[in-house]
């Protein structure tokens, strides 16, 4: 199962109806007729700040090639508005797949640096999120929640305050799991105001992350139990963490 997230805009602004219908089709090659696979509801998740939110649905993509999603929005007057998106599904997932062993990364901690400015581009400096290396956490027998994000450079439409959510989740379950933040950039102290100097974190490269914001729930055996590209709400992360506690 894959979590698919998307924003919807209309001429009146951001669409925030509670749910929309999503149909997935396997297209295969450009120009061929789509083979419908699933029809599910995508639920709107309000973000903790501002007015934005994200629709998410869980879908299965069991073939390599081009897929399409047809999205239907019920309008107040009874009509239906439609839009669609298409994308390629590769043979091998770029980021660690659900069920795979999490990479045993020697991620940086507070013990490795002079201060928080070498660990995060953000202003939230919670030492609990930088105490344990990923390699230690995923072999400890306890579940872990790992967030990769660069708070100061959260600029795209599906990027949100993920480290704040990680801290909130940590405050609820700190004795039962590990909670780790890894900045997307290896040199946060050098990139503030000058992204041209950025070096991507070696941990990000080891995890082969194709975009700037990801969160993973790792079970007690060190395997990926759930993964979230772009912003994930507290409710989404908590639900997956509870499955492995």
Protein backbone atom coordinates (compact mmCIF):
# COMPACT_ATOMS: atom_id res chain seq x y z
CA UNK A 1 0.00 0.00 0.00
CA UNK A 2 1.19 3.48 -0.86
CA UNK A 3 0.11 6.74 0.75
CA UNK A 4 -0.77 9.25 -1.93
CA UNK A 5 -1.11 12.89 -0.92
CA UNK A 6 -2.32 15.86 -2.96
CA UNK A 7 -3.71 19.39 -2.68
CA UNK A 8 -6.77 20.59 -4.56
CA UNK A 9 -7.35 24.17 -5.68
CA UNK A 10 -10.38 25.73 -7.34
CA UNK A 11 -11.16 29.21 -8.62
CA UNK A 12 -12.40 29.97 -5.10
CA UNK A 13 -9.24 28.81 -3.34
CA UNK A 14 -8.10 25.66 -1.56
CA UNK A 15 -10.61 22.79 -1.57
CA UNK A 16 -11.30 21.51 1.95
CA UNK A 17 -14.34 19.23 1.69
CA UNK A 18 -13.97 16.26 4.09
CA UNK A 19 -13.35 13.65 1.37
CA UNK A 20 -13.12 13.12 -2.38
CA UNK A 21 -13.36 10.02 -4.58
CA UNK A 22 -10.17 8.71 -6.19
CA UNK A 23 -10.02 6.09 -8.93
CA UNK A 24 -6.68 4.62 -9.95
CA UNK A 25 -6.02 3.23 -13.42
CA UNK A 26 -3.05 1.49 -14.95
CA UNK A 27 -2.25 3.16 -18.25
CA UNK A 28 0.95 1.34 -19.09
CA UNK A 29 2.04 3.26 -22.15
CA UNK A 30 1.11 6.74 -23.29
CA UNK A 31 -2.08 6.71 -25.34
CA UNK A 32 -3.35 3.33 -24.21
CA UNK A 33 -6.71 2.89 -22.48
CA UNK A 34 -6.57 2.87 -18.70
CA UNK A 35 -7.33 -0.28 -16.73
CA UNK A 36 -9.21 0.76 -13.58
CA UNK A 37 -7.78 -0.81 -10.44
CA UNK A 38 -9.23 0.79 -7.30
CA UNK A 39 -11.78 3.35 -6.15
CA UNK A 40 -11.24 4.80 -2.68
CA UNK A 41 -11.95 7.89 -0.60
CA UNK A 42 -9.19 10.41 0.01
CA UNK A 43 -9.60 12.17 3.37
CA UNK A 44 -8.73 15.80 4.01
CA UNK A 45 -6.23 16.37 6.84
CA UNK A 46 -6.11 19.93 8.16
CA UNK A 47 -2.62 21.14 8.99
CA UNK A 48 -1.93 22.54 12.46
CA UNK A 49 -1.10 26.02 11.16
CA UNK A 50 -2.68 28.17 8.47
CA UNK A 51 -5.53 27.07 6.23
CA UNK A 52 -3.79 24.40 4.19
CA UNK A 53 -4.32 20.69 4.32
CA UNK A 54 -3.66 17.54 2.35
CA UNK A 55 -5.89 14.85 0.89
CA UNK A 56 -4.46 11.38 1.45
CA UNK A 57 -5.47 7.94 0.26
CA UNK A 58 -3.88 4.49 0.41
CA UNK A 59 -3.51 2.79 -2.96
CA UNK A 60 -1.76 -0.24 -4.44
CA UNK A 61 0.37 0.10 -7.57
CA UNK A 62 1.17 -3.46 -8.60
CA UNK A 63 2.63 -2.84 -12.06
CA UNK A 64 5.57 -0.88 -13.41
CA UNK A 65 4.58 1.89 -15.81
CA UNK A 66 2.28 4.89 -16.05
CA UNK A 67 -0.68 5.24 -13.71
CA UNK A 68 -3.46 7.82 -13.55
CA UNK A 69 -5.68 9.06 -10.75
CA UNK A 70 -9.13 10.46 -11.48
CA UNK A 71 -10.33 12.69 -8.64
CA UNK A 72 -14.00 13.60 -8.14
CA UNK A 73 -15.20 16.40 -5.86
CA UNK A 74 -18.88 16.67 -4.93
CA UNK A 75 -19.99 20.28 -5.23
CA UNK A 76 -22.59 21.91 -2.92
CA UNK A 77 -25.11 22.17 -5.76
CA UNK A 78 -24.93 18.46 -6.49
CA UNK A 79 -22.54 18.59 -9.39
CA UNK A 80 -19.20 16.81 -9.65
CA UNK A 81 -15.89 18.50 -10.44
CA UNK A 82 -13.11 16.31 -11.81
CA UNK A 83 -9.37 16.49 -12.24
CA UNK A 84 -6.69 13.93 -12.92
CA UNK A 85 -2.97 13.35 -12.48
CA UNK A 86 -0.60 10.79 -13.94
CA UNK A 87 2.80 9.49 -12.88
CA UNK A 88 5.29 6.69 -13.44
CA UNK A 89 5.74 3.77 -11.05
CA UNK A 90 9.22 2.28 -11.10
CA UNK A 91 10.26 -1.29 -10.48
CA UNK A 92 12.20 -0.46 -7.31
CA UNK A 93 11.04 2.17 -4.77
CA UNK A 94 13.50 5.03 -4.37
CA UNK A 95 12.97 5.52 -0.64
CA UNK A 96 13.00 2.50 1.72
CA UNK A 97 9.85 0.47 1.08
CA UNK A 98 7.39 -0.79 3.68
CA UNK A 99 8.65 -4.12 4.95
CA UNK A 100 12.30 -3.43 4.15
CA UNK A 101 15.01 -3.04 6.78
CA UNK A 102 15.70 0.58 7.65
CA UNK A 103 19.25 1.69 6.79
CA UNK A 104 21.47 1.64 9.88
CA UNK A 105 22.67 5.20 9.41
CA UNK A 106 25.24 6.88 11.62
CA UNK A 107 23.17 10.05 11.76
CA UNK A 108 24.52 13.07 13.63
CA UNK A 109 23.53 13.69 17.25
CA UNK A 110 24.19 16.49 19.73
CA UNK A 111 27.24 14.56 20.91
CA UNK A 112 28.81 14.97 17.44
CA UNK A 113 28.45 18.74 17.03
CA UNK A 114 28.93 22.05 18.83
CA UNK A 115 25.27 23.04 18.83
CA UNK A 116 21.81 22.80 17.28
CA UNK A 117 22.78 25.08 14.40
CA UNK A 118 24.80 22.16 12.98
CA UNK A 119 21.80 19.80 13.20
CA UNK A 120 18.81 21.74 11.91
CA UNK A 121 17.87 24.79 9.85
CA UNK A 122 14.84 25.24 12.11
CA UNK A 123 14.29 27.19 15.32
CA UNK A 124 12.80 24.26 17.28
CA UNK A 125 15.75 22.99 19.32
CA UNK A 126 14.54 19.91 21.20
CA UNK A 127 17.52 17.84 22.41
CA UNK A 128 15.38 14.69 22.59
CA UNK A 129 15.22 14.61 18.78
CA UNK A 130 19.01 14.51 18.43
CA UNK A 131 20.11 12.11 21.16
CA UNK A 132 20.16 8.74 19.36
CA UNK A 133 21.70 7.72 16.05
CA UNK A 134 19.42 5.95 13.60
CA UNK A 135 21.75 2.92 13.68
CA UNK A 136 21.20 2.59 17.42
CA UNK A 137 17.46 3.27 17.32
CA UNK A 138 16.58 0.71 14.64
CA UNK A 139 18.51 -2.07 16.39
CA UNK A 140 17.26 -1.28 19.91
CA UNK A 141 14.12 -3.44 19.79
CA UNK A 142 11.93 -0.35 20.20
CA UNK A 143 9.92 1.34 17.43
CA UNK A 144 11.21 4.60 15.98
CA UNK A 145 9.73 7.59 14.17
CA UNK A 146 12.26 9.30 11.92
CA UNK A 147 11.60 12.61 10.17
CA UNK A 148 13.76 14.02 7.39
CA UNK A 149 13.02 17.71 6.91
CA UNK A 150 14.71 21.09 6.56
CA UNK A 151 12.35 23.51 8.34
CA UNK A 152 13.88 26.74 7.01
CA UNK A 153 13.45 25.57 3.43
CA UNK A 154 9.91 24.20 3.64
CA UNK A 155 8.64 26.10 0.63
CA UNK A 156 6.60 23.80 -1.59
CA UNK A 157 2.83 23.29 -1.35
CA UNK A 158 2.97 19.90 0.40
CA UNK A 159 5.69 20.72 2.92
CA UNK A 160 4.59 21.52 6.49
CA UNK A 161 5.78 21.88 10.12
CA UNK A 162 6.85 18.24 10.39
CA UNK A 163 9.42 18.64 13.18
CA UNK A 164 6.78 20.29 15.38
CA UNK A 165 4.53 17.28 14.84
CA UNK A 166 7.42 14.92 15.62
CA UNK A 167 8.00 16.74 18.91
CA UNK A 168 4.32 16.52 19.81
CA UNK A 169 4.30 12.78 19.11
CA UNK A 170 7.49 12.37 21.14
CA UNK A 171 5.94 14.12 24.11
CA UNK A 172 3.16 11.50 24.13
CA UNK A 173 5.24 8.35 23.60
CA UNK A 174 8.80 9.24 24.62
CA UNK A 175 9.23 6.17 26.85
CA UNK A 176 7.98 3.72 24.22
CA UNK A 177 9.78 4.72 21.03
CA UNK A 178 12.69 6.70 19.61
CA UNK A 179 12.05 10.00 17.84
CA UNK A 180 14.71 11.39 15.51
CA UNK A 181 14.96 14.43 13.25
CA UNK A 182 17.52 14.53 10.45
CA UNK A 183 17.90 17.75 8.47
CA UNK A 184 17.91 17.34 4.70
CA UNK A 185 21.13 19.35 4.55
CA UNK A 186 24.44 18.33 6.10
CA UNK A 187 25.56 21.88 6.83
CA UNK A 188 22.55 23.79 8.21
CA UNK A 189 24.75 26.46 9.78
CA UNK A 190 26.15 27.41 6.36
CA UNK A 191 23.01 27.43 4.22
CA UNK A 192 20.87 29.97 6.07
CA UNK A 193 20.28 32.64 3.42
CA UNK A 194 22.52 30.93 0.88
CA UNK A 195 21.16 27.60 -0.32
CA UNK A 196 23.85 27.44 -3.01
CA UNK A 197 26.26 26.28 -0.29
CA UNK A 198 24.07 23.35 0.72
CA UNK A 199 25.34 19.79 0.91
CA UNK A 200 22.73 17.04 1.10
CA UNK A 201 23.01 14.96 4.27
CA UNK A 202 24.85 11.66 3.86
CA UNK A 203 21.97 10.04 5.77
CA UNK A 204 19.45 11.41 3.26
CA UNK A 205 21.60 10.00 0.45
CA UNK A 206 21.83 6.63 2.19
CA UNK A 207 18.03 6.52 2.45
CA UNK A 208 17.77 7.60 -1.23
CA UNK A 209 15.09 10.19 -0.55
CA UNK A 210 13.89 11.92 -3.75
CA UNK A 211 12.29 14.94 -2.06
CA UNK A 212 12.87 17.18 0.93
CA UNK A 213 10.33 15.94 3.52
CA UNK A 214 9.77 12.32 4.59
CA UNK A 215 8.72 10.53 7.78
CA UNK A 216 9.11 6.84 8.58
CA UNK A 217 7.68 4.60 11.30
CA UNK A 218 10.07 1.74 12.05
CA UNK A 219 8.96 -1.33 14.01
CA UNK A 220 10.84 -3.07 16.82
CA UNK A 221 12.55 -5.38 14.32
CA UNK A 222 14.03 -2.46 12.43
CA UNK A 223 11.70 -2.71 9.42
CA UNK A 224 9.78 0.12 7.78
CA UNK A 225 6.17 -0.12 8.97
CA UNK A 226 4.93 3.05 7.26
CA UNK A 227 6.36 5.89 5.22
CA UNK A 228 5.03 9.35 4.45
CA UNK A 229 6.25 11.64 1.70
CA UNK A 230 5.50 15.33 2.31
CA UNK A 231 3.72 16.54 5.45
CA UNK A 232 2.06 13.96 7.68
CA UNK A 233 -0.34 15.01 10.43
CA UNK A 234 -0.06 13.94 14.05
CA UNK A 235 -3.10 11.69 13.62
CA UNK A 236 -1.56 9.88 10.64
CA UNK A 237 1.78 9.27 12.34
CA UNK A 238 0.22 8.32 15.65
CA UNK A 239 -2.06 5.74 14.03
CA UNK A 240 0.90 4.00 12.39
CA UNK A 241 3.05 4.19 15.52
CA UNK A 242 0.31 2.58 17.62
CA UNK A 243 0.29 -0.38 15.22
CA UNK A 244 3.87 -1.24 16.17
CA UNK A 245 3.91 -0.38 19.88
